[in-house]
Amino acid sequence: FRVTGALVLGLAGTILMIGVDSLAGLVNPRWWSGNALALAAAICYG
């Protein structure tokens, strides 16, 4: 429960810090190749 709560709060806080407007980039087809590269970076990081 403690780790899950920290994960949820941390992700929510990071989204608000980066900006909710950044979510718009997830659905725009012209940016999908960049989004795929960012996900690849996340997989490498993890």
PDB file of all heavy atoms in Angstrom:
ATOM      1  N   PHE A   1       0.834  -1.202   0.000  1.00  0.00           N
ATOM      2  CA  PHE A   1       0.000   0.000   0.000  1.00  0.00           C
ATOM      3  C   PHE A   1       0.869   1.252   0.000  1.00  0.00           C
ATOM      4  O   PHE A   1       0.605   2.216  -0.730  1.00  0.00           O
ATOM      5  CB  PHE A   1      -0.911  -0.003   1.236  1.00  0.00           C
ATOM      6  CG  PHE A   1      -1.753   1.237   1.359  1.00  0.00           C
ATOM      7  CD1 PHE A   1      -2.904   1.398   0.603  1.00  0.00           C
ATOM      8  CD2 PHE A   1      -1.382   2.261   2.231  1.00  0.00           C
ATOM      9  CE1 PHE A   1      -3.668   2.553   0.710  1.00  0.00           C
ATOM     10  CE2 PHE A   1      -2.133   3.409   2.337  1.00  0.00           C
ATOM     11  CZ  PHE A   1      -3.282   3.563   1.582  1.00  0.00           C
ATOM     12  N   ARG A   2       1.951   1.238   0.783  1.00  0.00           N
ATOM     13  CA  ARG A   2       2.839   2.404   0.865  1.00  0.00           C
ATOM     14  C   ARG A   2       3.533   2.670  -0.473  1.00  0.00           C
ATOM     15  O   ARG A   2       3.577   3.806  -0.947  1.00  0.00           O
ATOM     16  CB  ARG A   2       3.874   2.185   1.968  1.00  0.00           C
ATOM     17  CG  ARG A   2       4.801   3.379   2.209  1.00  0.00           C
ATOM     18  CD  ARG A   2       5.867   2.996   3.233  1.00  0.00           C
ATOM     19  NE  ARG A   2       5.279   2.763   4.536  1.00  0.00           N
ATOM     20  CZ  ARG A   2       5.108   3.707   5.454  1.00  0.00           C
ATOM     21  NH1 ARG A   2       5.475   4.942   5.210  1.00  0.00           N
ATOM     22  NH2 ARG A   2       4.575   3.411   6.622  1.00  0.00           N
ATOM     23  N   VAL A   3       4.057   1.614  -1.090  1.00  0.00           N
ATOM     24  CA  VAL A   3       4.769   1.783  -2.362  1.00  0.00           C
ATOM     25  C   VAL A   3       3.800   2.176  -3.476  1.00  0.00           C
ATOM     26  O   VAL A   3       4.103   3.040  -4.304  1.00  0.00           O
ATOM     27  CB  VAL A   3       5.522   0.489  -2.724  1.00  0.00           C
ATOM     28  CG1 VAL A   3       6.136   0.593  -4.120  1.00  0.00           C
ATOM     29  CG2 VAL A   3       6.615   0.210  -1.695  1.00  0.00           C
ATOM     30  N   THR A   4       2.625   1.548  -3.505  1.00  0.00           N
ATOM     31  CA  THR A   4       1.631   1.897  -4.521  1.00  0.00           C
ATOM     32  C   THR A   4       1.192   3.349  -4.378  1.00  0.00           C
ATOM     33  O   THR A   4       1.057   4.073  -5.375  1.00  0.00           O
ATOM     34  CB  THR A   4       0.413   0.968  -4.418  1.00  0.00           C
ATOM     35  OG1 THR A   4       0.834  -0.392  -4.561  1.00  0.00           O
ATOM     36  CG2 THR A   4      -0.606   1.287  -5.500  1.00  0.00           C
ATOM     37  N   GLY A   5       0.958   3.778  -3.135  1.00  0.00           N
ATOM     38  CA  GLY A   5       0.581   5.173  -2.901  1.00  0.00           C
ATOM     39  C   GLY A   5       1.672   6.132  -3.353  1.00  0.00           C
ATOM     40  O   GLY A   5       1.391   7.170  -3.972  1.00  0.00           O
ATOM     41  N   ALA A   6       2.923   5.784  -3.064  1.00  0.00           N
ATOM     42  CA  ALA A   6       4.038   6.633  -3.487  1.00  0.00           C
ATOM     43  C   ALA A   6       4.121   6.692  -5.005  1.00  0.00           C
ATOM     44  O   ALA A   6       4.405   7.748  -5.588  1.00  0.00           O
ATOM     45  CB  ALA A   6       5.343   6.114  -2.901  1.00  0.00           C
ATOM     46  N   LEU A   7       3.879   5.565  -5.669  1.00  0.00           N
ATOM     47  CA  LEU A   7       3.919   5.524  -7.126  1.00  0.00           C
ATOM     48  C   LEU A   7       2.834   6.399  -7.735  1.00  0.00           C
ATOM     49  O   LEU A   7       3.097   7.206  -8.639  1.00  0.00           O
ATOM     50  CB  LEU A   7       3.761   4.078  -7.598  1.00  0.00           C
ATOM     51  CG  LEU A   7       3.747   3.839  -9.109  1.00  0.00           C
ATOM     52  CD1 LEU A   7       5.056   4.299  -9.742  1.00  0.00           C
ATOM     53  CD2 LEU A   7       3.498   2.364  -9.415  1.00  0.00           C
ATOM     54  N   VAL A   8       1.613   6.276  -7.220  1.00  0.00           N
ATOM     55  CA  VAL A   8       0.492   7.073  -7.752  1.00  0.00           C
ATOM     56  C   VAL A   8       0.720   8.565  -7.515  1.00  0.00           C
ATOM     57  O   VAL A   8       0.554   9.387  -8.428  1.00  0.00           O
ATOM     58  CB  VAL A   8      -0.835   6.616  -7.105  1.00  0.00           C
ATOM     59  CG1 VAL A   8      -1.969   7.568  -7.483  1.00  0.00           C
ATOM     60  CG2 VAL A   8      -1.170   5.189  -7.538  1.00  0.00           C
ATOM     61  N   LEU A   9       1.113   8.924  -6.304  1.00  0.00           N
ATOM     62  CA  LEU A   9       1.356  10.333  -5.995  1.00  0.00           C
ATOM     63  C   LEU A   9       2.522  10.889  -6.814  1.00  0.00           C
ATOM     64  O   LEU A   9       2.466  12.025  -7.305  1.00  0.00           O
ATOM     65  CB  LEU A   9       1.644  10.503  -4.503  1.00  0.00           C
ATOM     66  CG  LEU A   9       0.466  10.289  -3.547  1.00  0.00           C
ATOM     67  CD1 LEU A   9       0.950  10.296  -2.103  1.00  0.00           C
ATOM     68  CD2 LEU A   9      -0.594  11.359  -3.753  1.00  0.00           C
ATOM     69  N   GLY A  10       3.576  10.088  -6.960  1.00  0.00           N
ATOM     70  CA  GLY A  10       4.734  10.542  -7.718  1.00  0.00           C
ATOM     71  C   GLY A  10       4.413  10.772  -9.183  1.00  0.00           C
ATOM     72  O   GLY A  10       4.826  11.783  -9.771  1.00  0.00           O
ATOM     73  N   LEU A  11       3.673   9.853  -9.779  1.00  0.00           N
ATOM     74  CA  LEU A  11       3.313  10.015 -11.189  1.00  0.00           C
ATOM     75  C   LEU A  11       2.371  11.196 -11.390  1.00  0.00           C
ATOM     76  O   LEU A  11       2.534  11.986 -12.334  1.00  0.00           O
ATOM     77  CB  LEU A  11       2.674   8.728 -11.714  1.00  0.00           C
ATOM     78  CG  LEU A  11       3.582   7.501 -11.798  1.00  0.00           C
ATOM     79  CD1 LEU A  11       2.810   6.299 -12.290  1.00  0.00           C
ATOM     80  CD2 LEU A  11       4.768   7.767 -12.709  1.00  0.00           C
ATOM     81  N   ALA A  12       1.381  11.324 -10.502  1.00  0.00           N
ATOM     82  CA  ALA A  12       0.452  12.453 -10.610  1.00  0.00           C
ATOM     83  C   ALA A  12       1.181  13.781 -10.444  1.00  0.00           C
ATOM     84  O   ALA A  12       0.944  14.745 -11.193  1.00  0.00           O
ATOM     85  CB  ALA A  12      -0.656  12.317  -9.564  1.00  0.00           C
ATOM     86  N   GLY A  13       2.075  13.827  -9.461  1.00  0.00           N
ATOM     87  CA  GLY A  13       2.832  15.054  -9.237  1.00  0.00           C
ATOM     88  C   GLY A  13       3.713  15.404 -10.422  1.00  0.00           C
ATOM     89  O   GLY A  13       3.813  16.575 -10.813  1.00  0.00           O
ATOM     90  N   THR A  14       4.343  14.392 -11.020  1.00  0.00           N
ATOM     91  CA  THR A  14       5.217  14.641 -12.169  1.00  0.00           C
ATOM     92  C   THR A  14       4.422  15.146 -13.357  1.00  0.00           C
ATOM     93  O   THR A  14       4.846  16.074 -14.067  1.00  0.00           O
ATOM     94  CB  THR A  14       5.970  13.364 -12.562  1.00  0.00           C
ATOM     95  OG1 THR A  14       6.708  12.889 -11.422  1.00  0.00           O
ATOM     96  CG2 THR A  14       6.924  13.621 -13.700  1.00  0.00           C
ATOM     97  N   ILE A  15       3.243  14.571 -13.600  1.00  0.00           N
ATOM     98  CA  ILE A  15       2.392  15.030 -14.702  1.00  0.00           C
ATOM     99  C   ILE A  15       2.002  16.487 -14.511  1.00  0.00           C
ATOM    100  O   ILE A  15       2.036  17.297 -15.443  1.00  0.00           O
ATOM    101  CB  ILE A  15       1.135  14.137 -14.813  1.00  0.00           C
ATOM    102  CG1 ILE A  15       1.528  12.737 -15.287  1.00  0.00           C
ATOM    103  CG2 ILE A  15       0.112  14.756 -15.771  1.00  0.00           C
ATOM    104  CD1 ILE A  15       0.402  11.739 -15.242  1.00  0.00           C
ATOM    105  N   LEU A  16       1.627  16.854 -13.284  1.00  0.00           N
ATOM    106  CA  LEU A  16       1.253  18.243 -13.015  1.00  0.00           C
ATOM    107  C   LEU A  16       2.455  19.174 -13.148  1.00  0.00           C
ATOM    108  O   LEU A  16       2.316  20.316 -13.621  1.00  0.00           O
ATOM    109  CB  LEU A  16       0.649  18.358 -11.619  1.00  0.00           C
ATOM    110  CG  LEU A  16      -0.720  17.710 -11.425  1.00  0.00           C
ATOM    111  CD1 LEU A  16      -1.155  17.792  -9.966  1.00  0.00           C
ATOM    112  CD2 LEU A  16      -1.766  18.365 -12.316  1.00  0.00           C
ATOM    113  N   MET A  17       3.642  18.697 -12.749  1.00  0.00           N
ATOM    114  CA  MET A  17       4.838  19.527 -12.867  1.00  0.00           C
ATOM    115  C   MET A  17       5.214  19.753 -14.328  1.00  0.00           C
ATOM    116  O   MET A  17       5.573  20.855 -14.733  1.00  0.00           O
ATOM    117  CB  MET A  17       6.004  18.865 -12.137  1.00  0.00           C
ATOM    118  CG  MET A  17       5.885  18.860 -10.622  1.00  0.00           C
ATOM    119  SD  MET A  17       6.255  20.449  -9.888  1.00  0.00           S
ATOM    120  CE  MET A  17       7.988  20.589 -10.228  1.00  0.00           C
ATOM    121  N   ILE A  18       5.148  18.701 -15.122  1.00  0.00           N
ATOM    122  CA  ILE A  18       5.508  18.816 -16.537  1.00  0.00           C
ATOM    123  C   ILE A  18       4.460  19.617 -17.293  1.00  0.00           C
ATOM    124  O   ILE A  18       4.770  20.382 -18.201  1.00  0.00           O
ATOM    125  CB  ILE A  18       5.694  17.416 -17.154  1.00  0.00           C
ATOM    126  CG1 ILE A  18       6.893  16.718 -16.510  1.00  0.00           C
ATOM    127  CG2 ILE A  18       5.880  17.495 -18.663  1.00  0.00           C
ATOM    128  CD1 ILE A  18       7.046  15.272 -16.910  1.00  0.00           C
ATOM    129  N   GLY A  19       3.185  19.456 -16.906  1.00  0.00           N
ATOM    130  CA  GLY A  19       2.104  20.197 -17.538  1.00  0.00           C
ATOM    131  C   GLY A  19       1.078  19.259 -18.146  1.00  0.00           C
ATOM    132  O   GLY A  19       1.426  18.375 -18.934  1.00  0.00           O
ATOM    133  N   VAL A  20      -0.181  19.452 -17.774  1.00  0.00           N
ATOM    134  CA  VAL A  20      -1.253  18.608 -18.296  1.00  0.00           C
ATOM    135  C   VAL A  20      -1.363  18.749 -19.811  1.00  0.00           C
ATOM    136  O   VAL A  20      -1.789  17.830 -20.513  1.00  0.00           O
ATOM    137  CB  VAL A  20      -2.591  18.970 -17.603  1.00  0.00           C
ATOM    138  CG1 VAL A  20      -3.729  18.134 -18.150  1.00  0.00           C
ATOM    139  CG2 VAL A  20      -2.472  18.768 -16.095  1.00  0.00           C
ATOM    140  N   ASP A  21      -0.960  19.917 -20.351  1.00  0.00           N
ATOM    141  CA  ASP A  21      -1.019  20.130 -21.797  1.00  0.00           C
ATOM    142  C   ASP A  21      -0.169  19.114 -22.559  1.00  0.00           C
ATOM    143  O   ASP A  21      -0.402  18.877 -23.749  1.00  0.00           O
ATOM    144  CB  ASP A  21      -0.548  21.542 -22.153  1.00  0.00           C
ATOM    145  CG  ASP A  21      -1.488  22.621 -21.642  1.00  0.00           C
ATOM    146  OD1 ASP A  21      -2.648  22.274 -21.330  1.00  0.00           O
ATOM    147  OD2 ASP A  21      -1.073  23.788 -21.559  1.00  0.00           O
ATOM    148  N   SER A  22       0.827  18.546 -21.880  1.00  0.00           N
ATOM    149  CA  SER A  22       1.678  17.568 -22.554  1.00  0.00           C
ATOM    150  C   SER A  22       0.905  16.318 -22.958  1.00  0.00           C
ATOM    151  O   SER A  22       1.331  15.588 -23.858  1.00  0.00           O
ATOM    152  CB  SER A  22       2.841  17.176 -21.640  1.00  0.00           C
ATOM    153  OG  SER A  22       2.359  16.594 -20.437  1.00  0.00           O
ATOM    154  N   LEU A  23      -0.240  16.070 -22.309  1.00  0.00           N
ATOM    155  CA  LEU A  23      -1.053  14.912 -22.669  1.00  0.00           C
ATOM    156  C   LEU A  23      -1.604  15.024 -24.085  1.00  0.00           C
ATOM    157  O   LEU A  23      -1.897  14.014 -24.724  1.00  0.00           O
ATOM    158  CB  LEU A  23      -2.209  14.749 -21.673  1.00  0.00           C
ATOM    159  CG  LEU A  23      -1.808  14.451 -20.213  1.00  0.00           C
ATOM    160  CD1 LEU A  23      -3.028  14.477 -19.311  1.00  0.00           C
ATOM    161  CD2 LEU A  23      -1.107  13.111 -20.121  1.00  0.00           C
ATOM    162  N   ALA A  24      -1.743  16.278 -24.582  1.00  0.00           N
ATOM    163  CA  ALA A  24      -2.260  16.474 -25.937  1.00  0.00           C
ATOM    164  C   ALA A  24      -1.333  15.858 -26.976  1.00  0.00           C
ATOM    165  O   ALA A  24      -1.781  15.422 -28.048  1.00  0.00           O
ATOM    166  CB  ALA A  24      -2.445  17.963 -26.212  1.00  0.00           C
ATOM    167  N   GLY A  25      -0.048  15.819 -26.681  1.00  0.00           N
ATOM    168  CA  GLY A  25       0.901  15.249 -27.628  1.00  0.00           C
ATOM    169  C   GLY A  25       0.766  13.754 -27.800  1.00  0.00           C
ATOM    170  O   GLY A  25       1.310  13.183 -28.755  1.00  0.00           O
ATOM    171  N   LEU A  26       0.032  13.097 -26.894  1.00  0.00           N
ATOM    172  CA  LEU A  26      -0.107  11.653 -26.979  1.00  0.00           C
ATOM    173  C   LEU A  26      -1.039  11.221 -28.102  1.00  0.00           C
ATOM    174  O   LEU A  26      -0.924  10.108 -28.619  1.00  0.00           O
ATOM    175  CB  LEU A  26      -0.629  11.096 -25.649  1.00  0.00           C
ATOM    176  CG  LEU A  26       0.251  11.318 -24.408  1.00  0.00           C
ATOM    177  CD1 LEU A  26      -0.452  10.803 -23.167  1.00  0.00           C
ATOM    178  CD2 LEU A  26       1.605  10.628 -24.586  1.00  0.00           C
ATOM    179  N   VAL A  27      -1.983  12.088 -28.485  1.00  0.00           N
ATOM    180  CA  VAL A  27      -3.015  11.695 -29.439  1.00  0.00           C
ATOM    181  C   VAL A  27      -2.817  12.308 -30.819  1.00  0.00           C
ATOM    182  O   VAL A  27      -3.572  12.013 -31.734  1.00  0.00           O
ATOM    183  CB  VAL A  27      -4.409  12.083 -28.898  1.00  0.00           C
ATOM    184  CG1 VAL A  27      -4.726  11.311 -27.632  1.00  0.00           C
ATOM    185  CG2 VAL A  27      -4.501  13.582 -28.624  1.00  0.00           C
ATOM    186  N   ASN A  28      -1.821  13.142 -30.979  1.00  0.00           N
ATOM    187  CA  ASN A  28      -1.579  13.777 -32.272  1.00  0.00           C
ATOM    188  C   ASN A  28      -0.753  12.838 -33.159  1.00  0.00           C
ATOM    189  O   ASN A  28       0.392  12.540 -32.839  1.00  0.00           O
ATOM    190  CB  ASN A  28      -0.837  15.101 -32.081  1.00  0.00           C
ATOM    191  CG  ASN A  28      -0.811  15.934 -33.348  1.00  0.00           C
ATOM    192  OD1 ASN A  28      -0.704  15.414 -34.446  1.00  0.00           O
ATOM    193  ND2 ASN A  28      -0.889  17.254 -33.187  1.00  0.00           N
ATOM    194  N   PRO A  29      -1.283  12.369 -34.304  1.00  0.00           N
ATOM    195  CA  PRO A  29      -0.560  11.394 -35.134  1.00  0.00           C
ATOM    196  C   PRO A  29       0.804  11.874 -35.618  1.00  0.00           C
ATOM    197  O   PRO A  29       1.710  11.065 -35.812  1.00  0.00           O
ATOM    198  CB  PRO A  29      -1.515  11.169 -36.319  1.00  0.00           C
ATOM    199  CG  PRO A  29      -2.861  11.549 -35.803  1.00  0.00           C
ATOM    200  CD  PRO A  29      -2.622  12.659 -34.820  1.00  0.00           C
ATOM    201  N   ARG A  30       0.960  13.168 -35.811  1.00  0.00           N
ATOM    202  CA  ARG A  30       2.246  13.666 -36.339  1.00  0.00           C
ATOM    203  C   ARG A  30       3.381  13.496 -35.341  1.00  0.00           C
ATOM    204  O   ARG A  30       4.557  13.586 -35.691  1.00  0.00           O
ATOM    205  CB  ARG A  30       2.125  15.133 -36.745  1.00  0.00           C
ATOM    206  CG  ARG A  30       1.836  16.081 -35.631  1.00  0.00           C
ATOM    207  CD  ARG A  30       1.695  17.487 -36.159  1.00  0.00           C
ATOM    208  NE  ARG A  30       2.921  18.239 -35.974  1.00  0.00           N
ATOM    209  CZ  ARG A  30       2.956  19.555 -35.838  1.00  0.00           C
ATOM    210  NH1 ARG A  30       1.858  20.254 -35.894  1.00  0.00           N
ATOM    211  NH2 ARG A  30       4.098  20.171 -35.668  1.00  0.00           N
ATOM    212  N   TRP A  31       3.037  13.247 -34.075  1.00  0.00           N
ATOM    213  CA  TRP A  31       4.059  13.095 -33.031  1.00  0.00           C
ATOM    214  C   TRP A  31       4.212  11.658 -32.547  1.00  0.00           C
ATOM    215  O   TRP A  31       4.942  11.397 -31.600  1.00  0.00           O
ATOM    216  CB  TRP A  31       3.727  14.014 -31.843  1.00  0.00           C
ATOM    217  CG  TRP A  31       3.896  15.471 -32.152  1.00  0.00           C
ATOM    218  CD1 TRP A  31       4.836  16.024 -32.972  1.00  0.00           C
ATOM    219  CD2 TRP A  31       3.117  16.547 -31.648  1.00  0.00           C
ATOM    220  NE1 TRP A  31       4.684  17.392 -33.014  1.00  0.00           N
ATOM    221  CE2 TRP A  31       3.639  17.753 -32.203  1.00  0.00           C
ATOM    222  CE3 TRP A  31       2.030  16.641 -30.783  1.00  0.00           C
ATOM    223  CZ2 TRP A  31       3.101  19.002 -31.927  1.00  0.00           C
ATOM    224  CZ3 TRP A  31       1.497  17.892 -30.498  1.00  0.00           C
ATOM    225  CH2 TRP A  31       2.032  19.055 -31.073  1.00  0.00           C
ATOM    226  N   TRP A  32       3.535  10.731 -33.204  1.00  0.00           N
ATOM    227  CA  TRP A  32       3.573   9.352 -32.713  1.00  0.00           C
ATOM    228  C   TRP A  32       4.966   8.732 -32.813  1.00  0.00           C
ATOM    229  O   TRP A  32       5.354   7.931 -31.963  1.00  0.00           O
ATOM    230  CB  TRP A  32       2.548   8.502 -33.467  1.00  0.00           C
ATOM    231  CG  TRP A  32       1.147   8.746 -32.974  1.00  0.00           C
ATOM    232  CD1 TRP A  32       0.780   9.490 -31.890  1.00  0.00           C
ATOM    233  CD2 TRP A  32      -0.057   8.252 -33.548  1.00  0.00           C
ATOM    234  NE1 TRP A  32      -0.596   9.502 -31.743  1.00  0.00           N
ATOM    235  CE2 TRP A  32      -1.139   8.746 -32.749  1.00  0.00           C
ATOM    236  CE3 TRP A  32      -0.352   7.455 -34.652  1.00  0.00           C
ATOM    237  CZ2 TRP A  32      -2.461   8.451 -33.030  1.00  0.00           C
ATOM    238  CZ3 TRP A  32      -1.684   7.164 -34.923  1.00  0.00           C
ATOM    239  CH2 TRP A  32      -2.720   7.652 -34.122  1.00  0.00           C
ATOM    240  N   SER A  33       5.724   9.068 -33.860  1.00  0.00           N
ATOM    241  CA  SER A  33       7.072   8.497 -33.972  1.00  0.00           C
ATOM    242  C   SER A  33       7.948   8.984 -32.818  1.00  0.00           C
ATOM    243  O   SER A  33       8.732   8.212 -32.242  1.00  0.00           O
ATOM    244  CB  SER A  33       7.701   8.871 -35.307  1.00  0.00           C
ATOM    245  OG  SER A  33       7.870  10.281 -35.415  1.00  0.00           O
ATOM    246  N   GLY A  34       7.826  10.268 -32.464  1.00  0.00           N
ATOM    247  CA  GLY A  34       8.570  10.799 -31.324  1.00  0.00           C
ATOM    248  C   GLY A  34       8.122  10.175 -30.019  1.00  0.00           C
ATOM    249  O   GLY A  34       8.946   9.893 -29.140  1.00  0.00           O
ATOM    250  N   ASN A  35       6.810   9.950 -29.895  1.00  0.00           N
ATOM    251  CA  ASN A  35       6.290   9.321 -28.683  1.00  0.00           C
ATOM    252  C   ASN A  35       6.822   7.889 -28.544  1.00  0.00           C
ATOM    253  O   ASN A  35       7.129   7.434 -27.438  1.00  0.00           O
ATOM    254  CB  ASN A  35       4.763   9.302 -28.705  1.00  0.00           C
ATOM    255  CG  ASN A  35       4.162  10.696 -28.640  1.00  0.00           C
ATOM    256  OD1 ASN A  35       4.836  11.654 -28.259  1.00  0.00           O
ATOM    257  ND2 ASN A  35       2.916  10.830 -29.033  1.00  0.00           N
ATOM    258  N   ALA A  36       6.918   7.192 -29.679  1.00  0.00           N
ATOM    259  CA  ALA A  36       7.455   5.819 -29.649  1.00  0.00           C
ATOM    260  C   ALA A  36       8.907   5.826 -29.204  1.00  0.00           C
ATOM    261  O   ALA A  36       9.342   4.957 -28.432  1.00  0.00           O
ATOM    262  CB  ALA A  36       7.318   5.177 -31.028  1.00  0.00           C
ATOM    263  N   LEU A  37       9.678   6.810 -29.662  1.00  0.00           N
ATOM    264  CA  LEU A  37      11.079   6.913 -29.244  1.00  0.00           C
ATOM    265  C   LEU A  37      11.177   7.228 -27.750  1.00  0.00           C
ATOM    266  O   LEU A  37      12.061   6.725 -27.059  1.00  0.00           O
ATOM    267  CB  LEU A  37      11.781   8.001 -30.056  1.00  0.00           C
ATOM    268  CG  LEU A  37      12.107   7.636 -31.511  1.00  0.00           C
ATOM    269  CD1 LEU A  37      12.509   8.881 -32.284  1.00  0.00           C
ATOM    270  CD2 LEU A  37      13.214   6.588 -31.564  1.00  0.00           C
ATOM    271  N   ALA A  38      10.271   8.080 -27.249  1.00  0.00           N
ATOM    272  CA  ALA A  38      10.272   8.396 -25.820  1.00  0.00           C
ATOM    273  C   ALA A  38       9.936   7.160 -24.992  1.00  0.00           C
ATOM    274  O   ALA A  38      10.525   6.937 -23.926  1.00  0.00           O
ATOM    275  CB  ALA A  38       9.270   9.515 -25.527  1.00  0.00           C
ATOM    276  N   LEU A  39       9.001   6.336 -25.473  1.00  0.00           N
ATOM    277  CA  LEU A  39       8.687   5.090 -24.773  1.00  0.00           C
ATOM    278  C   LEU A  39       9.875   4.125 -24.812  1.00  0.00           C
ATOM    279  O   LEU A  39      10.151   3.432 -23.829  1.00  0.00           O
ATOM    280  CB  LEU A  39       7.458   4.434 -25.407  1.00  0.00           C
ATOM    281  CG  LEU A  39       6.114   5.063 -25.060  1.00  0.00           C
ATOM    282  CD1 LEU A  39       5.003   4.412 -25.877  1.00  0.00           C
ATOM    283  CD2 LEU A  39       5.810   4.937 -23.572  1.00  0.00           C
ATOM    284  N   ALA A  40      10.570   4.102 -25.945  1.00  0.00           N
ATOM    285  CA  ALA A  40      11.776   3.270 -26.030  1.00  0.00           C
ATOM    286  C   ALA A  40      12.824   3.747 -25.029  1.00  0.00           C
ATOM    287  O   ALA A  40      13.503   2.928 -24.389  1.00  0.00           O
ATOM    288  CB  ALA A  40      12.339   3.310 -27.454  1.00  0.00           C
ATOM    289  N   ALA A  41      12.944   5.061 -24.874  1.00  0.00           N
ATOM    290  CA  ALA A  41      13.873   5.608 -23.888  1.00  0.00           C
ATOM    291  C   ALA A  41      13.471   5.188 -22.480  1.00  0.00           C
ATOM    292  O   ALA A  41      14.323   4.851 -21.649  1.00  0.00           O
ATOM    293  CB  ALA A  41      13.914   7.131 -23.990  1.00  0.00           C
ATOM    294  N   ALA A  42      12.158   5.195 -22.198  1.00  0.00           N
ATOM    295  CA  ALA A  42      11.676   4.786 -20.883  1.00  0.00           C
ATOM    296  C   ALA A  42      11.990   3.322 -20.609  1.00  0.00           C
ATOM    297  O   ALA A  42      12.361   2.951 -19.487  1.00  0.00           O
ATOM    298  CB  ALA A  42      10.166   5.023 -20.784  1.00  0.00           C
ATOM    299  N   ILE A  43      11.851   2.477 -21.635  1.00  0.00           N
ATOM    300  CA  ILE A  43      12.160   1.060 -21.470  1.00  0.00           C
ATOM    301  C   ILE A  43      13.651   0.874 -21.213  1.00  0.00           C
ATOM    302  O   ILE A  43      14.059   0.057 -20.377  1.00  0.00           O
ATOM    303  CB  ILE A  43      11.704   0.267 -22.712  1.00  0.00           C
ATOM    304  CG1 ILE A  43      10.172   0.262 -22.784  1.00  0.00           C
ATOM    305  CG2 ILE A  43      12.235  -1.155 -22.679  1.00  0.00           C
ATOM    306  CD1 ILE A  43       9.621  -0.344 -24.054  1.00  0.00           C
ATOM    307  N   CYS A  44      14.488   1.651 -21.931  1.00  0.00           N
ATOM    308  CA  CYS A  44      15.935   1.578 -21.689  1.00  0.00           C
ATOM    309  C   CYS A  44      16.267   2.027 -20.269  1.00  0.00           C
ATOM    310  O   CYS A  44      17.074   1.397 -19.582  1.00  0.00           O
ATOM    311  CB  CYS A  44      16.674   2.451 -22.696  1.00  0.00           C
ATOM    312  SG  CYS A  44      16.698   1.791 -24.374  1.00  0.00           S
ATOM    313  N   TYR A  45      15.641   3.114 -19.826  1.00  0.00           N
ATOM    314  CA  TYR A  45      15.870   3.629 -18.483  1.00  0.00           C
ATOM    315  C   TYR A  45      15.442   2.609 -17.428  1.00  0.00           C
ATOM    316  O   TYR A  45      16.206   2.272 -16.512  1.00  0.00           O
ATOM    317  CB  TYR A  45      15.126   4.947 -18.316  1.00  0.00           C
ATOM    318  CG  TYR A  45      15.147   5.528 -16.929  1.00  0.00           C
ATOM    319  CD1 TYR A  45      16.311   5.595 -16.181  1.00  0.00           C
ATOM    320  CD2 TYR A  45      13.975   6.024 -16.350  1.00  0.00           C
ATOM    321  CE1 TYR A  45      16.323   6.141 -14.905  1.00  0.00           C
ATOM    322  CE2 TYR A  45      13.976   6.574 -15.080  1.00  0.00           C
ATOM    323  CZ  TYR A  45      15.144   6.623 -14.364  1.00  0.00           C
ATOM    324  OH  TYR A  45      15.151   7.152 -13.097  1.00  0.00           O
ATOM    325  N   GLY A  46      14.222   2.121 -17.573  1.00  0.00           N
ATOM    326  CA  GLY A  46      13.756   1.098 -16.641  1.00  0.00           C
ATOM    327  C   GLY A  46      14.588  -0.169 -16.734  1.00  0.00           C
ATOM    328  O   GLY A  46      14.839  -0.836 -15.720  1.00  0.00           O
TER     329      GLY A  46
END
